């Protein structure tokens, strides 16, 4: 019998193409918009807190009088002190010594493992921050919509912020306002049947299905991150609740606009959009951006078609494109972000947004090296031929003017 592929297998050379083929959505639209906001990025924080005064009240010592009537009593301007605490973000890498040495060229591996891991975690960190922009600081990635257990299932209306293989904590939703919320299950893995599934399956740390008890209102967060993430638009663009040390219950002018329908979805209309944008204008600001997800974008596209308007994407400054919302003050870019909160639109005045950070991403290298020997693997201490590195950033998303932003909520997606 002549030679076949099987008989000459040992003589064949495997040829690897450059790099792995991306299968994960890496868009970080909101993060890019924040980083290019008109005021720019503040790198001079210089402390644990960022503080600044805000003007909240007028001098009420004004009024009209008749002849010989007592003049208005003197008043004063009202101010409040905003305070923004920094959040601490990290990304960890670990490679064995053998991997770092033996996989350092493309003909030996699909890609240099080191380069692949470093570039990959950079994208992962950016994607994580993009998630956080839409959050409320709690770290919530999913909210339980049904009770279950003891079992391994978690039912939620939306799994868009969940990733297969991540370690997540299950948090008692009734304790989220506490300094240390109750962790019902910690460090569990996760399996999703699909990104459109509403039921996730948790894995125990040692493998196999976990046994957890879920109550309606419990939340899932990235392991160890509860109440430690950026205080994003979910908290910023709200009409109630203290934010940056100021409570609209005491300073009503601090409230953002929320045009909601008591949790019941409704059709998107131009009238609703105009009402929401006008509320921002009435507060003395001007919406410069609309952010929405794919489903709400489809609803807006259908609305424009039903009104027989010419529908086409438009290029906006900064390299962004999207549909425009035309107002008497000009076009507002309607930019789609796959990570945006469902069933609504954020209208933001970007000039009032600020990304506070002590510095950009950097390596923890105060001990003289980016890579340090690993002295524990799987909780077992010892000497290992392995090295770890950690990226870090001290930062927080904030605003100088909460009432410059609005959210149109409870919109039916198409």
Protein backbone atom coordinates (compact mmCIF):
# COMPACT_ATOMS: atom_id res chain seq x y z
CA UNK A 1 0.00 0.00 0.00
CA UNK A 2 1.25 3.43 -0.88
CA UNK A 3 1.87 6.27 1.54
CA UNK A 4 -1.18 7.93 3.07
CA UNK A 5 -1.66 10.90 5.34
CA UNK A 6 -1.93 8.51 8.25
CA UNK A 7 1.42 6.80 7.52
CA UNK A 8 3.36 10.05 6.99
CA UNK A 9 1.71 11.94 9.84
CA UNK A 10 4.97 12.19 11.81
CA UNK A 11 6.62 13.92 8.84
CA UNK A 12 3.96 16.53 8.33
CA UNK A 13 4.40 20.05 9.63
CA UNK A 14 1.46 21.82 11.18
CA UNK A 15 0.97 25.38 9.95
CA UNK A 16 -0.82 27.79 12.28
CA UNK A 17 -2.45 31.00 11.11
CA UNK A 18 -1.82 34.20 13.02
CA UNK A 19 -3.88 34.69 16.16
CA UNK A 20 -7.20 33.29 17.40
CA UNK A 21 -10.38 34.26 15.58
CA UNK A 22 -12.54 36.53 17.73
CA UNK A 23 -15.91 35.10 18.80
CA UNK A 24 -16.80 37.65 21.49
CA UNK A 25 -18.39 41.09 21.13
CA UNK A 26 -15.74 43.63 22.16
CA UNK A 27 -17.67 46.87 21.50
CA UNK A 28 -17.20 49.53 24.20
CA UNK A 29 -19.21 52.40 22.73
CA UNK A 30 -20.21 54.12 25.97
CA UNK A 31 -16.67 53.97 27.35
CA UNK A 32 -15.30 55.58 24.19
CA UNK A 33 -17.93 58.35 24.39
CA UNK A 34 -17.12 59.08 28.03
CA UNK A 35 -13.38 59.15 27.38
CA UNK A 36 -13.86 61.70 24.61
CA UNK A 37 -16.38 63.89 26.45
CA UNK A 38 -15.79 67.59 25.96
CA UNK A 39 -14.21 68.16 29.36
CA UNK A 40 -11.82 65.31 28.95
CA UNK A 41 -10.37 62.91 31.50
CA UNK A 42 -9.16 64.06 34.90
CA UNK A 43 -5.89 62.41 35.91
CA UNK A 44 -5.12 64.73 38.83
CA UNK A 45 -7.25 63.30 41.57
CA UNK A 46 -4.60 63.30 44.27
CA UNK A 47 -6.63 61.59 46.97
CA UNK A 48 -9.27 59.09 47.88
CA UNK A 49 -12.11 61.49 47.16
CA UNK A 50 -12.91 63.99 44.44
CA UNK A 51 -14.93 66.90 45.83
CA UNK A 52 -16.47 69.97 44.23
CA UNK A 53 -19.28 72.41 45.12
CA UNK A 54 -22.54 72.53 43.19
CA UNK A 55 -24.95 75.46 42.99
CA UNK A 56 -28.42 74.27 44.09
CA UNK A 57 -30.49 77.32 45.16
CA UNK A 58 -31.05 80.92 44.12
CA UNK A 59 -31.04 83.93 46.46
CA UNK A 60 -34.70 84.37 47.40
CA UNK A 61 -34.20 87.99 48.45
CA UNK A 62 -36.05 89.31 45.40
CA UNK A 63 -39.58 90.64 44.88
CA UNK A 64 -41.73 93.57 43.74
CA UNK A 65 -43.19 96.09 46.24
CA UNK A 66 -45.50 99.11 46.42
CA UNK A 67 -44.38 102.47 47.77
CA UNK A 68 -43.25 102.32 51.42
CA UNK A 69 -43.62 98.56 51.66
CA UNK A 70 -40.89 96.58 53.39
CA UNK A 71 -38.15 95.45 51.05
CA UNK A 72 -37.40 91.75 50.53
CA UNK A 73 -35.29 90.13 53.19
CA UNK A 74 -31.80 89.21 52.08
CA UNK A 75 -31.27 85.62 51.06
CA UNK A 76 -28.27 83.73 49.82
CA UNK A 77 -27.15 81.30 47.15
CA UNK A 78 -27.45 77.64 48.08
CA UNK A 79 -24.64 75.16 47.58
CA UNK A 80 -23.93 71.52 48.30
CA UNK A 81 -20.67 69.59 48.31
CA UNK A 82 -20.44 66.70 45.86
CA UNK A 83 -18.06 63.91 46.80
CA UNK A 84 -16.91 61.19 44.43
CA UNK A 85 -15.07 58.20 45.92
CA UNK A 86 -12.70 56.36 43.61
CA UNK A 87 -13.29 52.69 42.79
CA UNK A 88 -10.43 50.23 42.40
CA UNK A 89 -10.37 48.10 39.25
CA UNK A 90 -8.05 45.13 38.70
CA UNK A 91 -7.17 42.50 36.11
CA UNK A 92 -5.04 39.47 36.93
CA UNK A 93 -2.80 37.40 34.65
CA UNK A 94 -0.97 34.14 35.36
CA UNK A 95 1.27 32.04 33.12
CA UNK A 96 3.48 29.07 33.81
CA UNK A 97 7.19 29.40 33.16
CA UNK A 98 6.95 26.67 30.53
CA UNK A 99 4.19 28.55 28.71
CA UNK A 100 6.14 31.80 28.70
CA UNK A 101 9.21 30.08 27.25
CA UNK A 102 7.77 27.43 24.94
CA UNK A 103 4.90 29.38 23.42
CA UNK A 104 6.84 32.46 22.47
CA UNK A 105 6.62 32.08 18.69
CA UNK A 106 3.78 31.54 16.25
CA UNK A 107 5.10 28.28 14.77
CA UNK A 108 4.96 26.71 18.23
CA UNK A 109 1.50 27.95 19.18
CA UNK A 110 -1.57 29.55 17.65
CA UNK A 111 -0.36 32.87 19.04
CA UNK A 112 2.19 34.00 21.53
CA UNK A 113 0.32 33.11 24.71
CA UNK A 114 1.78 36.07 26.56
CA UNK A 115 0.76 38.58 23.90
CA UNK A 116 -2.64 36.96 23.55
CA UNK A 117 -3.33 37.06 27.30
CA UNK A 118 -2.14 40.66 27.74
CA UNK A 119 -4.08 42.00 24.76
CA UNK A 120 -7.07 39.86 25.70
CA UNK A 121 -7.32 41.08 29.28
CA UNK A 122 -7.01 44.68 28.06
CA UNK A 123 -10.16 44.14 26.01
CA UNK A 124 -11.83 42.32 28.90
CA UNK A 125 -11.14 45.22 31.26
CA UNK A 126 -12.53 47.74 28.77
CA UNK A 127 -15.64 45.61 28.25
CA UNK A 128 -16.11 45.30 31.99
CA UNK A 129 -15.96 49.08 32.39
CA UNK A 130 -18.45 49.48 29.56
CA UNK A 131 -20.85 47.24 31.54
CA UNK A 132 -20.25 49.35 34.63
CA UNK A 133 -21.19 52.57 32.85
CA UNK A 134 -24.79 51.33 32.77
CA UNK A 135 -24.76 49.98 36.32
CA UNK A 136 -25.65 51.48 39.69
CA UNK A 137 -22.48 50.59 41.61
CA UNK A 138 -23.89 47.37 43.08
CA UNK A 139 -22.20 45.25 40.43
CA UNK A 140 -25.49 43.67 39.39
CA UNK A 141 -25.22 41.57 36.24
CA UNK A 142 -28.63 39.90 36.53
CA UNK A 143 -31.72 40.14 38.73
CA UNK A 144 -33.67 37.06 39.84
CA UNK A 145 -37.23 37.14 38.48
CA UNK A 146 -38.34 33.86 40.08
CA UNK A 147 -37.66 31.92 43.25
CA UNK A 148 -35.95 28.54 43.01
CA UNK A 149 -34.01 25.97 44.96
CA UNK A 150 -32.33 24.50 46.60
CA UNK A 151 -31.16 23.86 43.03
CA UNK A 152 -28.65 25.13 40.50
CA UNK A 153 -30.92 27.36 38.44
CA UNK A 154 -31.22 31.14 38.33
CA UNK A 155 -34.09 32.68 36.34
CA UNK A 156 -33.78 36.25 35.10
CA UNK A 157 -35.48 38.42 32.48
CA UNK A 158 -32.14 39.42 30.95
CA UNK A 159 -28.84 37.55 30.68
CA UNK A 160 -27.04 40.04 28.42
CA UNK A 161 -24.46 40.93 31.10
CA UNK A 162 -23.62 37.32 32.03
CA UNK A 163 -20.62 35.46 30.64
CA UNK A 164 -20.09 31.72 30.52
CA UNK A 165 -17.26 30.55 32.76
CA UNK A 166 -17.11 33.65 34.97
CA UNK A 167 -17.08 33.28 38.73
CA UNK A 168 -20.18 34.97 40.17
CA UNK A 169 -21.56 35.63 43.63
CA UNK A 170 -25.26 35.30 44.39
CA UNK A 171 -26.25 38.22 46.64
CA UNK A 172 -29.31 38.51 48.88
CA UNK A 173 -31.16 41.39 47.22
CA UNK A 174 -32.67 42.58 50.49
CA UNK A 175 -29.19 43.35 51.86
CA UNK A 176 -27.71 45.23 48.90
CA UNK A 177 -27.86 48.57 50.71
CA UNK A 178 -25.67 47.20 53.53
CA UNK A 179 -21.97 47.88 53.66
CA UNK A 180 -21.40 44.12 53.41
CA UNK A 181 -24.33 42.46 51.62
CA UNK A 182 -25.09 38.81 52.32
CA UNK A 183 -23.44 36.40 49.87
CA UNK A 184 -25.71 33.38 49.42
CA UNK A 185 -23.27 31.55 47.14
CA UNK A 186 -19.76 32.65 46.31
CA UNK A 187 -17.44 32.04 43.39
CA UNK A 188 -19.77 29.84 41.38
CA UNK A 189 -19.29 29.21 37.68
CA UNK A 190 -22.09 29.73 35.20
CA UNK A 191 -23.54 27.98 32.15
CA UNK A 192 -25.93 29.69 29.76
CA UNK A 193 -27.84 27.67 27.20
CA UNK A 194 -27.69 30.76 24.96
CA UNK A 195 -27.45 34.52 25.30
CA UNK A 196 -31.22 34.70 24.87
CA UNK A 197 -31.88 32.13 27.60
CA UNK A 198 -33.60 33.29 30.76
CA UNK A 199 -32.35 30.47 32.97
CA UNK A 200 -28.70 30.07 33.97
CA UNK A 201 -27.14 27.07 35.69
CA UNK A 202 -24.58 27.58 38.42
CA UNK A 203 -21.64 25.25 38.98
CA UNK A 204 -20.05 24.49 42.32
CA UNK A 205 -16.40 25.48 42.75
CA UNK A 206 -15.37 21.84 42.56
CA UNK A 207 -17.45 21.14 39.46
CA UNK A 208 -20.95 19.80 39.04
CA UNK A 209 -24.21 21.60 39.71
CA UNK A 210 -24.36 23.94 42.69
CA UNK A 211 -27.16 23.88 45.23
CA UNK A 212 -28.44 27.39 45.91
CA UNK A 213 -31.67 28.97 47.04
CA UNK A 214 -32.76 32.00 45.02
CA UNK A 215 -35.38 34.57 46.01
CA UNK A 216 -36.97 37.14 43.71
CA UNK A 217 -34.81 40.25 43.82
CA UNK A 218 -31.51 38.46 44.45
CA UNK A 219 -28.71 39.63 42.19
CA UNK A 220 -25.68 38.09 40.52
CA UNK A 221 -22.38 39.99 40.58
CA UNK A 222 -18.84 39.23 39.43
CA UNK A 223 -17.23 37.40 42.34
CA UNK A 224 -15.99 39.79 45.02
CA UNK A 225 -17.27 42.92 43.24
CA UNK A 226 -20.55 43.69 45.05
CA UNK A 227 -20.86 47.44 45.78
CA UNK A 228 -17.36 48.03 44.40
CA UNK A 229 -17.96 48.97 40.76
CA UNK A 230 -18.37 52.36 39.08
CA UNK A 231 -21.51 54.21 40.06
CA UNK A 232 -22.86 54.37 36.52
CA UNK A 233 -25.90 55.71 34.70
CA UNK A 234 -28.25 53.41 36.61
CA UNK A 235 -27.60 55.52 39.71
CA UNK A 236 -26.60 58.81 38.11
CA UNK A 237 -29.66 59.18 35.89
CA UNK A 238 -32.30 58.78 38.58
CA UNK A 239 -34.82 61.13 40.19
CA UNK A 240 -34.43 59.73 43.70
CA UNK A 241 -31.67 58.47 45.93
CA UNK A 242 -28.46 60.10 47.11
CA UNK A 243 -25.71 60.32 44.52
CA UNK A 244 -22.24 61.82 44.98
CA UNK A 245 -23.16 62.73 48.56
CA UNK A 246 -26.20 64.82 47.54
CA UNK A 247 -29.80 63.69 47.99
CA UNK A 248 -32.52 65.25 45.80
CA UNK A 249 -34.87 64.88 48.78
CA UNK A 250 -32.87 67.76 50.28
CA UNK A 251 -31.71 69.40 47.04
CA UNK A 252 -34.53 68.85 44.50
CA UNK A 253 -32.59 70.50 41.68
CA UNK A 254 -30.08 67.60 41.83
CA UNK A 255 -32.62 65.08 40.45
CA UNK A 256 -32.21 63.72 36.93
CA UNK A 257 -35.24 63.30 34.67
CA UNK A 258 -36.80 59.85 34.41
CA UNK A 259 -39.71 59.54 31.99
CA UNK A 260 -41.16 56.16 32.99
CA UNK A 261 -44.46 54.32 32.81
CA UNK A 262 -44.54 52.49 36.17
CA UNK A 263 -42.73 49.49 34.73
CA UNK A 264 -45.18 48.87 31.87
CA UNK A 265 -43.61 49.05 28.43
CA UNK A 266 -45.15 51.38 25.82
CA UNK A 267 -44.56 52.28 22.20
CA UNK A 268 -41.78 54.72 21.42
CA UNK A 269 -43.04 58.06 20.10
CA UNK A 270 -41.42 61.31 19.10
CA UNK A 271 -43.56 63.08 21.69
CA UNK A 272 -42.00 61.00 24.48
CA UNK A 273 -38.51 61.71 23.18
CA UNK A 274 -39.21 65.44 22.91
CA UNK A 275 -40.66 65.55 26.43
CA UNK A 276 -37.54 63.91 27.82
CA UNK A 277 -35.09 66.13 25.93
CA UNK A 278 -37.10 69.25 26.83
CA UNK A 279 -36.83 68.35 30.52
CA UNK A 280 -33.04 68.42 30.20
CA UNK A 281 -33.25 71.76 28.42
CA UNK A 282 -35.52 73.17 31.10
CA UNK A 283 -32.87 72.29 33.67
CA UNK A 284 -30.40 74.49 31.78
CA UNK A 285 -28.50 71.72 29.96
CA UNK A 286 -28.54 70.31 26.45
CA UNK A 287 -28.63 66.63 25.50
CA UNK A 288 -25.72 65.83 23.20
CA UNK A 289 -26.10 62.06 22.98
CA UNK A 290 -28.75 59.36 23.03
CA UNK A 291 -27.62 55.86 24.04
CA UNK A 292 -29.78 52.79 23.50
CA UNK A 293 -29.50 49.08 22.82
CA UNK A 294 -30.26 47.22 19.60
CA UNK A 295 -33.91 46.49 20.42
CA UNK A 296 -34.77 50.11 21.22
CA UNK A 297 -32.80 51.22 18.15
CA UNK A 298 -35.06 49.00 16.03
CA UNK A 299 -38.11 50.64 17.63
CA UNK A 300 -36.75 54.08 16.73
CA UNK A 301 -35.96 52.97 13.19
CA UNK A 302 -39.52 51.67 12.79
CA UNK A 303 -40.88 54.93 14.18
CA UNK A 304 -39.00 56.97 11.60
CA UNK A 305 -40.21 54.71 8.81
CA UNK A 306 -43.83 54.98 9.98
CA UNK A 307 -43.50 58.76 9.86
CA UNK A 308 -42.17 58.47 6.30
CA UNK A 309 -38.93 60.19 7.20
CA UNK A 310 -35.75 59.44 5.30
CA UNK A 311 -33.89 56.85 7.38
CA UNK A 312 -30.14 56.59 7.14
CA UNK A 313 -27.18 56.51 9.49
CA UNK A 314 -25.23 59.71 9.93
CA UNK A 315 -21.59 60.26 10.75
CA UNK A 316 -21.06 62.33 13.89
CA UNK A 317 -17.86 63.92 15.26
CA UNK A 318 -15.46 61.50 16.92
CA UNK A 319 -15.95 58.67 14.44
CA UNK A 320 -19.40 57.63 15.69
CA UNK A 321 -22.38 56.95 13.47
CA UNK A 322 -26.06 56.38 14.12
CA UNK A 323 -29.56 57.65 13.51
CA UNK A 324 -30.19 61.30 14.33
CA UNK A 325 -32.95 62.72 16.49
CA UNK A 326 -33.77 66.17 15.14
CA UNK A 327 -34.67 68.92 17.59
CA UNK A 328 -34.93 72.69 17.31
CA UNK A 329 -31.45 72.86 18.85
CA UNK A 330 -29.94 70.53 16.26
CA UNK A 331 -29.47 66.81 15.73
CA UNK A 332 -28.80 64.54 18.70
CA UNK A 333 -26.71 61.47 17.78
CA UNK A 334 -28.61 58.28 18.64
CA UNK A 335 -25.77 55.81 19.18
CA UNK A 336 -26.40 52.12 19.68
CA UNK A 337 -24.45 50.17 22.30
CA UNK A 338 -25.07 46.44 22.72
CA UNK A 339 -24.43 46.84 26.46
CA UNK A 340 -26.99 49.62 26.94
CA UNK A 341 -29.83 49.09 29.41
CA UNK A 342 -32.85 47.47 27.69
CA UNK A 343 -36.19 49.16 27.01
CA UNK A 344 -35.06 52.75 27.13
CA UNK A 345 -32.85 55.63 26.01
CA UNK A 346 -30.32 57.64 27.98
CA UNK A 347 -30.15 61.28 26.90
CA UNK A 348 -26.88 62.70 28.20
CA UNK A 349 -25.16 66.07 28.24
CA UNK A 350 -21.63 64.85 27.67
CA UNK A 351 -20.10 68.16 28.72
CA UNK A 352 -21.26 67.40 32.26
CA UNK A 353 -19.84 63.85 32.38
CA UNK A 354 -16.44 63.21 33.88
CA UNK A 355 -14.21 60.17 34.19
CA UNK A 356 -12.11 60.68 37.29
CA UNK A 357 -9.02 58.52 37.46
CA UNK A 358 -5.69 58.67 39.21
CA UNK A 359 -4.02 57.29 36.06
CA UNK A 360 -4.69 55.03 33.11
CA UNK A 361 -4.29 51.26 33.38
CA UNK A 362 -0.90 50.25 34.71
CA UNK A 363 0.90 47.24 36.16
CA UNK A 364 1.39 46.78 39.88
CA UNK A 365 5.20 46.89 39.86
CA UNK A 366 6.16 48.69 43.07
CA UNK A 367 8.21 45.64 44.04
CA UNK A 368 10.39 46.08 40.95
CA UNK A 369 8.82 43.72 38.44
CA UNK A 370 5.57 43.40 36.56
CA UNK A 371 5.74 39.62 36.87
CA UNK A 372 6.06 37.97 40.26
CA UNK A 373 6.56 34.33 41.19
CA UNK A 374 3.33 32.52 42.03
CA UNK A 375 3.45 31.10 45.55
CA UNK A 376 -0.04 29.63 45.72
CA UNK A 377 -2.06 27.63 43.20
CA UNK A 378 -5.60 26.54 43.98
CA UNK A 379 -5.12 27.62 47.57
CA UNK A 380 -2.05 25.40 48.03
CA UNK A 381 1.05 27.33 49.07
CA UNK A 382 4.42 26.38 47.60
CA UNK A 383 7.07 27.30 45.04
CA UNK A 384 5.80 27.18 41.48
CA UNK A 385 7.26 27.67 38.03
CA UNK A 386 4.62 30.26 37.27
CA UNK A 387 4.32 34.03 37.20
CA UNK A 388 1.50 36.47 37.79
CA UNK A 389 0.85 40.11 36.90
CA UNK A 390 -1.91 42.52 37.90
CA UNK A 391 -3.25 45.54 36.04
CA UNK A 392 -4.96 48.26 38.07
CA UNK A 393 -6.79 51.57 37.76
CA UNK A 394 -8.26 53.84 40.45
CA UNK A 395 -11.20 55.65 38.88
CA UNK A 396 -14.86 56.57 38.98
CA UNK A 397 -17.49 57.86 36.58
CA UNK A 398 -19.17 61.06 37.72
CA UNK A 399 -21.03 64.19 36.71
CA UNK A 400 -20.95 67.82 37.70
CA UNK A 401 -24.67 68.14 37.03
CA UNK A 402 -27.04 65.24 37.63
CA UNK A 403 -30.06 67.10 36.22
CA UNK A 404 -28.30 67.47 32.86
CA UNK A 405 -29.18 63.86 32.04
CA UNK A 406 -32.42 61.98 31.45
CA UNK A 407 -33.75 58.51 30.81
CA UNK A 408 -36.75 57.59 28.72
CA UNK A 409 -37.76 54.24 30.23
CA UNK A 410 -40.33 51.48 29.74
CA UNK A 411 -40.13 51.38 25.93
CA UNK A 412 -41.24 48.35 23.93
CA UNK A 413 -38.39 46.91 21.90
CA UNK A 414 -38.84 45.73 18.33
